[in-house]
Amino acid sequence: MPTLKDTLLKQDKRPHVITDCVQLIDDEVASKRGLAGMAVKAAYAMVKKVKPGIVREAVDHMLDEFV
């Protein structure tokens, strides 16, 4: 029986796991409130604008360690 790690990191599942993680990060940033939340949202938006796809690349790069 394959482990959860083996299942999540399979080539056919990995893109879906990455997409879900990116969505989770986007949702978490969007849920921030107040002045600190505004700063986090602005910084996150700026980083995504300067280098589109950076969040997806970072998640892909770190996924093996996270799992």
PDB file of N, CA and C in Angstrom:
ATOM      1  N   MET A   1       0.852  -1.178   0.000  1.00  0.00           N
ATOM      2  CA  MET A   1       0.000   0.000   0.000  1.00  0.00           C
ATOM      3  C   MET A   1       0.897   1.241   0.000  1.00  0.00           C
ATOM      4  N   PRO A   2       0.673   2.158  -0.928  1.00  0.00           N
ATOM      5  CA  PRO A   2       1.508   3.369  -0.990  1.00  0.00           C
ATOM      6  C   PRO A   2       1.227   4.296   0.195  1.00  0.00           C
ATOM      7  N   THR A   3       2.256   5.008   0.597  1.00  0.00           N
ATOM      8  CA  THR A   3       2.110   5.971   1.693  1.00  0.00           C
ATOM      9  C   THR A   3       1.460   7.250   1.165  1.00  0.00           C
ATOM     10  N   LEU A   4       1.016   8.088   2.072  1.00  0.00           N
ATOM     11  CA  LEU A   4       0.436   9.378   1.682  1.00  0.00           C
ATOM     12  C   LEU A   4       1.464  10.200   0.927  1.00  0.00           C
ATOM     13  N   LYS A   5       2.697  10.162   1.396  1.00  0.00           N
ATOM     14  CA  LYS A   5       3.773  10.892   0.724  1.00  0.00           C
ATOM     15  C   LYS A   5       3.924  10.422  -0.715  1.00  0.00           C
ATOM     16  N   ASP A   6       3.965   9.113  -0.913  1.00  0.00           N
ATOM     17  CA  ASP A   6       4.091   8.567  -2.277  1.00  0.00           C
ATOM     18  C   ASP A   6       2.927   9.002  -3.152  1.00  0.00           C
ATOM     19  N   THR A   7       1.738   8.989  -2.589  1.00  0.00           N
ATOM     20  CA  THR A   7       0.545   9.361  -3.349  1.00  0.00           C
ATOM     21  C   THR A   7       0.565  10.833  -3.740  1.00  0.00           C
ATOM     22  N   LEU A   8       0.893  11.700  -2.796  1.00  0.00           N
ATOM     23  CA  LEU A   8       0.878  13.141  -3.064  1.00  0.00           C
ATOM     24  C   LEU A   8       1.961  13.575  -4.043  1.00  0.00           C
ATOM     25  N   LEU A   9       3.074  12.877  -4.046  1.00  0.00           N
ATOM     26  CA  LEU A   9       4.198  13.297  -4.879  1.00  0.00           C
ATOM     27  C   LEU A   9       4.239  12.593  -6.235  1.00  0.00           C
ATOM     28  N   LYS A  10       3.259  11.748  -6.522  1.00  0.00           N
ATOM     29  CA  LYS A  10       3.220  11.103  -7.832  1.00  0.00           C
ATOM     30  C   LYS A  10       3.080  12.171  -8.922  1.00  0.00           C
ATOM     31  N   GLN A  11       3.681  11.903 -10.057  1.00  0.00           N
ATOM     32  CA  GLN A  11       3.679  12.883 -11.153  1.00  0.00           C
ATOM     33  C   GLN A  11       2.274  13.282 -11.583  1.00  0.00           C
ATOM     34  N   ASP A  12       1.301  12.397 -11.508  1.00  0.00           N
ATOM     35  CA  ASP A  12      -0.055  12.751 -11.931  1.00  0.00           C
ATOM     36  C   ASP A  12      -0.827  13.532 -10.865  1.00  0.00           C
ATOM     37  N   LYS A  13      -0.405  13.454  -9.603  1.00  0.00           N
ATOM     38  CA  LYS A  13      -1.076  14.163  -8.503  1.00  0.00           C
ATOM     39  C   LYS A  13      -0.385  15.469  -8.125  1.00  0.00           C
ATOM     40  N   ARG A  14       0.914  15.536  -8.316  1.00  0.00           N
ATOM     41  CA  ARG A  14       1.707  16.693  -7.868  1.00  0.00           C
ATOM     42  C   ARG A  14       1.149  18.034  -8.355  1.00  0.00           C
ATOM     43  N   PRO A  15       0.811  18.174  -9.632  1.00  0.00           N
ATOM     44  CA  PRO A  15       0.277  19.479 -10.075  1.00  0.00           C
ATOM     45  C   PRO A  15      -1.001  19.888  -9.339  1.00  0.00           C
ATOM     46  N   HIS A  16      -1.839  18.914  -9.010  1.00  0.00           N
ATOM     47  CA  HIS A  16      -3.076  19.220  -8.282  1.00  0.00           C
ATOM     48  C   HIS A  16      -2.779  19.648  -6.850  1.00  0.00           C
ATOM     49  N   VAL A  17      -1.805  18.990  -6.228  1.00  0.00           N
ATOM     50  CA  VAL A  17      -1.409  19.347  -4.862  1.00  0.00           C
ATOM     51  C   VAL A  17      -0.827  20.762  -4.856  1.00  0.00           C
ATOM     52  N   ILE A  18       0.003  21.072  -5.835  1.00  0.00           N
ATOM     53  CA  ILE A  18       0.600  22.411  -5.925  1.00  0.00           C
ATOM     54  C   ILE A  18      -0.483  23.462  -6.121  1.00  0.00           C
ATOM     55  N   THR A  19      -1.419  23.205  -7.018  1.00  0.00           N
ATOM     56  CA  THR A  19      -2.520  24.146  -7.266  1.00  0.00           C
ATOM     57  C   THR A  19      -3.328  24.385  -5.997  1.00  0.00           C
ATOM     58  N   ASP A  20      -3.617  23.326  -5.255  1.00  0.00           N
ATOM     59  CA  ASP A  20      -4.368  23.471  -4.008  1.00  0.00           C
ATOM     60  C   ASP A  20      -3.583  24.267  -2.966  1.00  0.00           C
ATOM     61  N   CYS A  21      -2.279  24.043  -2.882  1.00  0.00           N
ATOM     62  CA  CYS A  21      -1.449  24.791  -1.939  1.00  0.00           C
ATOM     63  C   CYS A  21      -1.398  26.275  -2.294  1.00  0.00           C
ATOM     64  N   VAL A  22      -1.259  26.574  -3.572  1.00  0.00           N
ATOM     65  CA  VAL A  22      -1.241  27.975  -4.012  1.00  0.00           C
ATOM     66  C   VAL A  22      -2.575  28.638  -3.690  1.00  0.00           C
ATOM     67  N   GLN A  23      -3.672  27.925  -3.910  1.00  0.00           N
ATOM     68  CA  GLN A  23      -4.996  28.475  -3.590  1.00  0.00           C
ATOM     69  C   GLN A  23      -5.127  28.719  -2.090  1.00  0.00           C
ATOM     70  N   LEU A  24      -4.607  27.815  -1.289  1.00  0.00           N
ATOM     71  CA  LEU A  24      -4.632  27.979   0.162  1.00  0.00           C
ATOM     72  C   LEU A  24      -3.860  29.226   0.586  1.00  0.00           C
ATOM     73  N   ILE A  25      -2.703  29.435  -0.010  1.00  0.00           N
ATOM     74  CA  ILE A  25      -1.891  30.620   0.299  1.00  0.00           C
ATOM     75  C   ILE A  25      -2.626  31.889  -0.130  1.00  0.00           C
ATOM     76  N   ASP A  26      -3.171  31.884  -1.339  1.00  0.00           N
ATOM     77  CA  ASP A  26      -3.934  33.042  -1.827  1.00  0.00           C
ATOM     78  C   ASP A  26      -5.110  33.361  -0.898  1.00  0.00           C
ATOM     79  N   ASP A  27      -5.845  32.326  -0.492  1.00  0.00           N
ATOM     80  CA  ASP A  27      -6.993  32.522   0.401  1.00  0.00           C
ATOM     81  C   ASP A  27      -6.561  33.057   1.767  1.00  0.00           C
ATOM     82  N   GLU A  28      -5.451  32.543   2.263  1.00  0.00           N
ATOM     83  CA  GLU A  28      -4.957  32.986   3.572  1.00  0.00           C
ATOM     84  C   GLU A  28      -4.548  34.461   3.519  1.00  0.00           C
ATOM     85  N   VAL A  29      -3.852  34.853   2.471  1.00  0.00           N
ATOM     86  CA  VAL A  29      -3.456  36.257   2.328  1.00  0.00           C
ATOM     87  C   VAL A  29      -4.702  37.135   2.184  1.00  0.00           C
ATOM     88  N   ALA A  30      -5.663  36.691   1.394  1.00  0.00           N
ATOM     89  CA  ALA A  30      -6.884  37.470   1.184  1.00  0.00           C
ATOM     90  C   ALA A  30      -7.694  37.647   2.469  1.00  0.00           C
ATOM     91  N   SER A  31      -7.557  36.723   3.408  1.00  0.00           N
ATOM     92  CA  SER A  31      -8.345  36.798   4.640  1.00  0.00           C
ATOM     93  C   SER A  31      -7.755  37.744   5.677  1.00  0.00           C
ATOM     94  N   LYS A  32      -6.567  38.253   5.434  1.00  0.00           N
ATOM     95  CA  LYS A  32      -5.916  39.149   6.400  1.00  0.00           C
ATOM     96  C   LYS A  32      -6.676  40.471   6.490  1.00  0.00           C
ATOM     97  N   ARG A  33      -6.774  40.997   7.683  1.00  0.00           N
ATOM     98  CA  ARG A  33      -7.519  42.235   7.936  1.00  0.00           C
ATOM     99  C   ARG A  33      -6.632  43.260   8.635  1.00  0.00           C
ATOM    100  N   GLY A  34      -7.084  44.486   8.651  1.00  0.00           N
ATOM    101  CA  GLY A  34      -6.393  45.552   9.369  1.00  0.00           C
ATOM    102  C   GLY A  34      -5.191  46.089   8.604  1.00  0.00           C
ATOM    103  N   LEU A  35      -4.418  46.928   9.278  1.00  0.00           N
ATOM    104  CA  LEU A  35      -3.250  47.549   8.650  1.00  0.00           C
ATOM    105  C   LEU A  35      -2.192  46.509   8.280  1.00  0.00           C
ATOM    106  N   ALA A  36      -1.956  45.555   9.168  1.00  0.00           N
ATOM    107  CA  ALA A  36      -0.978  44.503   8.870  1.00  0.00           C
ATOM    108  C   ALA A  36      -1.444  43.681   7.673  1.00  0.00           C
ATOM    109  N   GLY A  37      -2.735  43.414   7.613  1.00  0.00           N
ATOM    110  CA  GLY A  37      -3.294  42.675   6.486  1.00  0.00           C
ATOM    111  C   GLY A  37      -3.132  43.429   5.174  1.00  0.00           C
ATOM    112  N   MET A  38      -3.329  44.735   5.236  1.00  0.00           N
ATOM    113  CA  MET A  38      -3.145  45.548   4.028  1.00  0.00           C
ATOM    114  C   MET A  38      -1.701  45.488   3.554  1.00  0.00           C
ATOM    115  N   ALA A  39      -0.773  45.520   4.498  1.00  0.00           N
ATOM    116  CA  ALA A  39       0.649  45.461   4.147  1.00  0.00           C
ATOM    117  C   ALA A  39       0.999  44.100   3.537  1.00  0.00           C
ATOM    118  N   VAL A  40       0.485  43.029   4.130  1.00  0.00           N
ATOM    119  CA  VAL A  40       0.743  41.683   3.606  1.00  0.00           C
ATOM    120  C   VAL A  40       0.160  41.537   2.212  1.00  0.00           C
ATOM    121  N   LYS A  41      -1.070  42.001   2.025  1.00  0.00           N
ATOM    122  CA  LYS A  41      -1.716  41.911   0.716  1.00  0.00           C
ATOM    123  C   LYS A  41      -0.954  42.702  -0.344  1.00  0.00           C
ATOM    124  N   ALA A  42      -0.510  43.896   0.017  1.00  0.00           N
ATOM    125  CA  ALA A  42       0.216  44.737  -0.934  1.00  0.00           C
ATOM    126  C   ALA A  42       1.549  44.094  -1.311  1.00  0.00           C
ATOM    127  N   ALA A  43       2.263  43.587  -0.320  1.00  0.00           N
ATOM    128  CA  ALA A  43       3.552  42.952  -0.597  1.00  0.00           C
ATOM    129  C   ALA A  43       3.369  41.695  -1.443  1.00  0.00           C
ATOM    130  N   TYR A  44       2.381  40.904  -1.120  1.00  0.00           N
ATOM    131  CA  TYR A  44       2.106  39.669  -1.865  1.00  0.00           C
ATOM    132  C   TYR A  44       1.741  39.992  -3.314  1.00  0.00           C
ATOM    133  N   ALA A  45       0.897  40.989  -3.501  1.00  0.00           N
ATOM    134  CA  ALA A  45       0.501  41.388  -4.855  1.00  0.00           C
ATOM    135  C   ALA A  45       1.704  41.901  -5.645  1.00  0.00           C
ATOM    136  N   MET A  46       2.581  42.656  -4.999  1.00  0.00           N
ATOM    137  CA  MET A  46       3.743  43.200  -5.677  1.00  0.00           C
ATOM    138  C   MET A  46       4.688  42.069  -6.109  1.00  0.00           C
ATOM    139  N   VAL A  47       4.917  41.121  -5.216  1.00  0.00           N
ATOM    140  CA  VAL A  47       5.790  39.998  -5.553  1.00  0.00           C
ATOM    141  C   VAL A  47       5.211  39.205  -6.721  1.00  0.00           C
ATOM    142  N   LYS A  48       3.909  38.964  -6.699  1.00  0.00           N
ATOM    143  CA  LYS A  48       3.269  38.206  -7.784  1.00  0.00           C
ATOM    144  C   LYS A  48       3.302  38.975  -9.103  1.00  0.00           C
ATOM    145  N   LYS A  49       3.267  40.305  -9.025  1.00  0.00           N
ATOM    146  CA  LYS A  49       3.307  41.108 -10.244  1.00  0.00           C
ATOM    147  C   LYS A  49       4.722  41.151 -10.827  1.00  0.00           C
ATOM    148  N   VAL A  50       5.720  41.271  -9.963  1.00  0.00           N
ATOM    149  CA  VAL A  50       7.107  41.342 -10.414  1.00  0.00           C
ATOM    150  C   VAL A  50       7.530  40.018 -11.051  1.00  0.00           C
ATOM    151  N   LYS A  51       7.145  38.911 -10.421  1.00  0.00           N
ATOM    152  CA  LYS A  51       7.505  37.602 -10.960  1.00  0.00           C
ATOM    153  C   LYS A  51       6.285  36.681 -10.916  1.00  0.00           C
ATOM    154  N   PRO A  52       5.465  36.737 -11.941  1.00  0.00           N
ATOM    155  CA  PRO A  52       4.289  35.856 -11.984  1.00  0.00           C
ATOM    156  C   PRO A  52       4.723  34.388 -11.888  1.00  0.00           C
ATOM    157  N   GLY A  53       3.991  33.611 -11.139  1.00  0.00           N
ATOM    158  CA  GLY A  53       4.297  32.200 -10.992  1.00  0.00           C
ATOM    159  C   GLY A  53       5.269  31.876  -9.871  1.00  0.00           C
ATOM    160  N   ILE A  54       5.724  32.892  -9.153  1.00  0.00           N
ATOM    161  CA  ILE A  54       6.716  32.655  -8.107  1.00  0.00           C
ATOM    162  C   ILE A  54       6.162  31.806  -6.972  1.00  0.00           C
ATOM    163  N   VAL A  55       4.900  31.988  -6.635  1.00  0.00           N
ATOM    164  CA  VAL A  55       4.316  31.217  -5.541  1.00  0.00           C
ATOM    165  C   VAL A  55       4.246  29.743  -5.943  1.00  0.00           C
ATOM    166  N   ARG A  56       3.805  29.490  -7.154  1.00  0.00           N
ATOM    167  CA  ARG A  56       3.718  28.117  -7.658  1.00  0.00           C
ATOM    168  C   ARG A  56       5.121  27.472  -7.697  1.00  0.00           C
ATOM    169  N   GLU A  57       6.094  28.216  -8.175  1.00  0.00           N
ATOM    170  CA  GLU A  57       7.469  27.698  -8.225  1.00  0.00           C
ATOM    171  C   GLU A  57       7.989  27.389  -6.825  1.00  0.00           C
ATOM    172  N   ALA A  58       7.720  28.270  -5.884  1.00  0.00           N
ATOM    173  CA  ALA A  58       8.193  28.075  -4.517  1.00  0.00           C
ATOM    174  C   ALA A  58       7.536  26.847  -3.876  1.00  0.00           C
ATOM    175  N   VAL A  59       6.240  26.715  -4.079  1.00  0.00           N
ATOM    176  CA  VAL A  59       5.542  25.553  -3.533  1.00  0.00           C
ATOM    177  C   VAL A  59       6.094  24.274  -4.158  1.00  0.00           C
ATOM    178  N   ASP A  60       6.284  24.270  -5.461  1.00  0.00           N
ATOM    179  CA  ASP A  60       6.826  23.100  -6.145  1.00  0.00           C
ATOM    180  C   ASP A  60       8.208  22.755  -5.597  1.00  0.00           C
ATOM    181  N   HIS A  61       9.016  23.759  -5.402  1.00  0.00           N
ATOM    182  CA  HIS A  61      10.382  23.565  -4.902  1.00  0.00           C
ATOM    183  C   HIS A  61      10.400  22.983  -3.491  1.00  0.00           C
ATOM    184  N   MET A  62       9.480  23.426  -2.636  1.00  0.00           N
ATOM    185  CA  MET A  62       9.484  23.033  -1.221  1.00  0.00           C
ATOM    186  C   MET A  62       8.558  21.859  -0.902  1.00  0.00           C
ATOM    187  N   LEU A  63       7.769  21.414  -1.875  1.00  0.00           N
ATOM    188  CA  LEU A  63       6.758  20.396  -1.617  1.00  0.00           C
ATOM    189  C   LEU A  63       7.340  19.107  -1.040  1.00  0.00           C
ATOM    190  N   ASP A  64       8.445  18.646  -1.593  1.00  0.00           N
ATOM    191  CA  ASP A  64       9.034  17.400  -1.084  1.00  0.00           C
ATOM    192  C   ASP A  64       9.360  17.493   0.402  1.00  0.00           C
ATOM    193  N   GLU A  65       9.918  18.616   0.809  1.00  0.00           N
ATOM    194  CA  GLU A  65      10.240  18.806   2.226  1.00  0.00           C
ATOM    195  C   GLU A  65       8.991  18.913   3.081  1.00  0.00           C
ATOM    196  N   PHE A  66       7.978  19.607   2.575  1.00  0.00           N
ATOM    197  CA  PHE A  66       6.742  19.786   3.332  1.00  0.00           C
ATOM    198  C   PHE A  66       6.036  18.457   3.570  1.00  0.00           C
ATOM    199  N   VAL A  67       6.017  17.627   2.531  1.00  0.00           N
ATOM    200  CA  VAL A  67       5.292  16.350   2.632  1.00  0.00           C
ATOM    201  C   VAL A  67       6.108  15.399   3.472  1.00  0.00           C
TER     202      VAL A  67
END
